[in-house]
Amino acid sequence: MSQHYFTENPDSEIKEKNFTENINGKQLSFTSVSGVFSFENKVDKVSHNLIKNFTPTGSSILDVGCGYGAIGLFLKALFPAQNLTMIDINNRALDYTKKNAAANTLEVEIIHSNLYDALPGRVFDDIVSNPPFAAGKELNTRLISQAFEHLSTNGSLWLVAFHNKGGSSLKEIMKNTFGNVTDIDKSGGIRVYKAIKKIY
């Protein structure tokens, strides 16, 4: 059985791809690596759509399942005043996020965490994720339900997915958890979903 990306210590051989990418006028350099989403020589289309359509709610962002760092590092570059925290369970992902942050001289907080386990009591104004579908529905349900506890009042959860490949079920869980969900962007089958933590 091949390992999915939600693996603490991938044992696949390390292969790298180096590339630069420009989104919304910011150009960053990245090294992607085997065993970490997504091993391509460009930012994957799904993450690209989230980066392109994101606008901050407040002053802090948490990137859940950061991979090699594409989403979080681009958001830090685009919104430099944001306090950015990036988490992943995959140690190889964290190593490459650190390398990519250093290569682009971006200061972010990078933490090893199984979802929110390493962040007890911490809250953020925005939580962003390109969720790990291969890790299963239970994990992605937890990603959404526990996000509520880690958002400030009026904070937002942003998820991105192919609507017909599991995204619609994530949208439903977001609606059930938050009482609201909006399609921020629809393009090429990809949706950017946003739910706001409102205290009724």
Protein backbone atom coordinates (compact mmCIF):
# COMPACT_ATOMS: atom_id res chain seq x y z
CA MET A 1 0.00 0.00 0.00
CA SER A 2 1.46 3.37 -0.96
CA GLN A 3 1.65 5.95 1.78
CA HIS A 4 -0.59 8.97 1.54
CA TYR A 5 0.79 12.41 2.40
CA PHE A 6 -0.70 12.29 5.90
CA THR A 7 2.22 10.14 7.07
CA GLU A 8 4.54 11.25 9.85
CA ASN A 9 7.78 9.91 8.36
CA PRO A 10 7.49 9.04 4.67
CA ASP A 11 10.04 6.42 3.61
CA SER A 12 9.94 7.11 -0.13
CA GLU A 13 13.21 8.06 -1.80
CA ILE A 14 13.81 11.83 -1.72
CA LYS A 15 13.45 13.45 -5.13
CA GLU A 16 13.19 17.20 -5.59
CA LYS A 17 11.77 19.63 -8.14
CA ASN A 18 12.74 23.33 -8.15
CA PHE A 19 10.49 26.00 -9.63
CA THR A 20 9.33 29.60 -9.33
CA GLU A 21 5.70 30.67 -9.37
CA ASN A 22 3.94 34.03 -9.64
CA ILE A 23 0.49 34.49 -8.03
CA ASN A 24 -1.22 37.88 -7.72
CA GLY A 25 2.03 39.67 -8.53
CA LYS A 26 4.27 37.88 -6.01
CA GLN A 27 7.00 35.54 -7.26
CA LEU A 28 8.37 32.83 -4.96
CA SER A 29 10.89 30.02 -5.41
CA PHE A 30 10.08 26.52 -4.18
CA THR A 31 11.54 23.06 -3.89
CA SER A 32 8.86 20.36 -3.86
CA VAL A 33 9.76 16.85 -2.70
CA SER A 34 8.53 13.28 -3.12
CA GLY A 35 6.32 12.05 -0.30
CA VAL A 36 4.89 15.54 0.25
CA PHE A 37 1.85 17.10 -1.47
CA SER A 38 2.14 18.05 -4.20
CA PHE A 39 5.23 16.74 -5.95
CA GLU A 40 5.10 18.88 -9.10
CA ASN A 41 7.17 21.62 -10.69
CA LYS A 42 4.40 24.16 -10.05
CA VAL A 43 1.89 25.01 -7.33
CA ASP A 44 -1.02 22.59 -7.77
CA LYS A 45 -4.17 24.11 -9.29
CA VAL A 46 -6.28 23.59 -6.16
CA SER A 47 -3.85 25.39 -3.82
CA HIS A 48 -3.34 28.08 -6.48
CA ASN A 49 -7.09 28.87 -6.41
CA LEU A 50 -7.11 29.24 -2.64
CA ILE A 51 -4.08 31.57 -2.67
CA LYS A 52 -5.55 33.66 -5.50
CA ASN A 53 -8.93 34.17 -3.78
CA PHE A 54 -7.91 34.58 -0.14
CA THR A 55 -8.43 37.83 1.76
CA PRO A 56 -7.49 38.06 5.44
CA THR A 57 -10.17 38.36 8.11
CA GLY A 58 -7.81 39.64 10.83
CA SER A 59 -4.10 39.42 11.61
CA SER A 60 -3.32 35.69 12.04
CA ILE A 61 -3.50 32.69 9.72
CA LEU A 62 -3.08 28.96 10.36
CA ASP A 63 -2.21 26.72 7.38
CA VAL A 64 -3.31 23.16 8.24
CA GLY A 65 -1.43 20.40 6.38
CA CYS A 66 1.02 22.85 4.87
CA GLY A 67 2.92 20.36 2.67
CA TYR A 68 6.10 21.99 1.31
CA GLY A 69 4.61 25.40 2.15
CA ALA A 70 2.98 26.78 -1.01
CA ILE A 71 -0.23 28.18 0.50
CA GLY A 72 1.14 29.60 3.74
CA LEU A 73 4.28 31.09 2.23
CA PHE A 74 2.36 32.76 -0.59
CA LEU A 75 -0.14 34.20 1.91
CA LYS A 76 2.75 35.55 4.02
CA ALA A 77 4.32 37.11 0.91
CA LEU A 78 1.01 38.63 -0.22
CA PHE A 79 -0.03 39.81 3.26
CA PRO A 80 3.25 40.44 5.12
CA ALA A 81 1.57 41.89 8.22
CA GLN A 82 -0.12 38.55 8.94
CA ASN A 83 1.19 36.26 11.70
CA LEU A 84 1.42 32.96 9.89
CA THR A 85 1.55 29.52 11.50
CA MET A 86 2.01 26.35 9.43
CA ILE A 87 1.39 22.81 10.69
CA ASP A 88 1.79 19.32 9.26
CA ILE A 89 2.17 15.80 10.62
CA ASN A 90 4.69 14.97 7.88
CA ASN A 91 8.25 15.73 9.05
CA ARG A 92 9.58 15.84 5.49
CA ALA A 93 6.93 18.46 4.65
CA LEU A 94 8.06 20.60 7.58
CA ASP A 95 11.73 20.32 6.56
CA TYR A 96 10.88 21.61 3.07
CA THR A 97 8.56 24.32 4.38
CA LYS A 98 11.51 25.58 6.44
CA LYS A 99 13.80 25.47 3.39
CA ASN A 100 11.25 27.26 1.22
CA ALA A 101 10.56 29.89 3.90
CA ALA A 102 14.33 30.57 4.17
CA ALA A 103 14.77 30.67 0.38
CA ASN A 104 12.12 33.40 0.16
CA THR A 105 13.16 35.16 3.42
CA LEU A 106 9.68 34.75 4.91
CA GLU A 107 9.25 34.57 8.68
CA VAL A 108 6.59 32.05 9.65
CA GLU A 109 6.00 29.71 12.58
CA ILE A 110 6.33 26.04 11.58
CA ILE A 111 5.05 23.35 13.97
CA HIS A 112 4.86 19.56 13.87
CA SER A 113 1.24 18.71 14.69
CA ASN A 114 -1.39 16.06 14.03
CA LEU A 115 -4.14 18.47 13.03
CA TYR A 116 -4.51 20.86 16.00
CA ASP A 117 -2.97 18.64 18.71
CA ALA A 118 0.07 20.90 19.25
CA LEU A 119 -2.05 24.07 19.46
CA PRO A 120 -4.16 23.73 22.63
CA GLY A 121 -5.99 26.96 23.41
CA ARG A 122 -4.62 28.86 20.41
CA VAL A 123 -6.98 30.75 18.11
CA PHE A 124 -6.50 32.31 14.69
CA ASP A 125 -8.45 34.76 12.54
CA ASP A 126 -8.23 32.52 9.46
CA ILE A 127 -7.59 28.82 9.00
CA VAL A 128 -6.71 27.65 5.47
CA SER A 129 -6.29 24.14 4.10
CA ASN A 130 -6.14 22.11 0.93
CA PRO A 131 -7.41 19.07 2.87
CA PRO A 132 -5.78 15.63 2.56
CA PHE A 133 -8.57 13.58 0.94
CA ALA A 134 -6.51 10.40 0.94
CA ALA A 135 -6.45 10.51 4.75
CA GLY A 136 -10.18 9.79 4.84
CA LYS A 137 -13.47 11.44 5.75
CA GLU A 138 -13.07 11.06 9.51
CA LEU A 139 -9.86 13.09 9.55
CA ASN A 140 -11.29 15.79 7.29
CA THR A 141 -14.42 15.99 9.45
CA ARG A 142 -12.15 16.56 12.46
CA LEU A 143 -10.17 19.19 10.52
CA ILE A 144 -13.41 21.15 10.07
CA SER A 145 -15.10 20.57 13.45
CA GLN A 146 -11.97 21.35 15.47
CA ALA A 147 -11.27 24.42 13.33
CA PHE A 148 -14.30 26.02 14.98
CA GLU A 149 -12.56 25.84 18.38
CA HIS A 150 -9.36 27.36 16.98
CA LEU A 151 -10.96 30.38 15.30
CA SER A 152 -11.56 33.76 16.87
CA THR A 153 -15.13 35.09 16.79
CA ASN A 154 -15.94 36.07 13.18
CA GLY A 155 -12.84 34.16 12.07
CA SER A 156 -13.01 32.16 8.84
CA LEU A 157 -12.21 28.62 7.70
CA TRP A 158 -11.13 28.44 4.04
CA LEU A 159 -11.01 25.05 2.31
CA VAL A 160 -10.38 24.28 -1.34
CA ALA A 161 -11.26 21.10 -3.22
CA PHE A 162 -12.66 19.62 -6.42
CA HIS A 163 -16.41 19.93 -5.77
CA ASN A 164 -17.25 16.56 -7.36
CA LYS A 165 -14.34 14.69 -5.76
CA GLY A 166 -15.33 15.06 -2.13
CA GLY A 167 -15.55 18.84 -1.93
CA SER A 168 -19.34 18.83 -1.76
CA SER A 169 -19.27 16.62 1.35
CA LEU A 170 -16.72 18.94 3.00
CA LYS A 171 -18.98 21.89 2.19
CA GLU A 172 -21.86 20.09 3.92
CA ILE A 173 -19.75 19.43 7.04
CA MET A 174 -18.70 23.10 7.09
CA LYS A 175 -22.36 24.17 6.91
CA ASN A 176 -23.33 21.77 9.72
CA THR A 177 -20.41 22.93 11.91
CA PHE A 178 -20.55 26.68 11.30
CA GLY A 179 -24.16 27.24 10.26
CA ASN A 180 -22.95 28.92 7.05
CA VAL A 181 -20.71 28.32 4.06
CA THR A 182 -20.07 30.32 0.88
CA ASP A 183 -18.50 29.41 -2.46
CA ILE A 184 -15.86 32.15 -2.79
CA ASP A 185 -14.72 30.89 -6.18
CA LYS A 186 -15.82 28.29 -8.73
CA SER A 187 -13.47 27.47 -11.58
CA GLY A 188 -12.63 24.30 -13.47
CA GLY A 189 -14.51 22.12 -11.00
CA ILE A 190 -12.53 23.59 -8.08
CA ARG A 191 -14.33 25.39 -5.27
CA VAL A 192 -12.98 27.68 -2.56
CA TYR A 193 -15.32 27.32 0.44
CA LYS A 194 -15.46 29.79 3.31
CA ALA A 195 -17.28 29.41 6.65
CA ILE A 196 -17.41 32.13 9.32
CA LYS A 197 -17.46 31.50 13.05
CA LYS A 198 -20.48 33.54 14.10
CA ILE A 199 -21.64 33.50 17.69
CA TYR A 200 -25.42 33.57 17.53
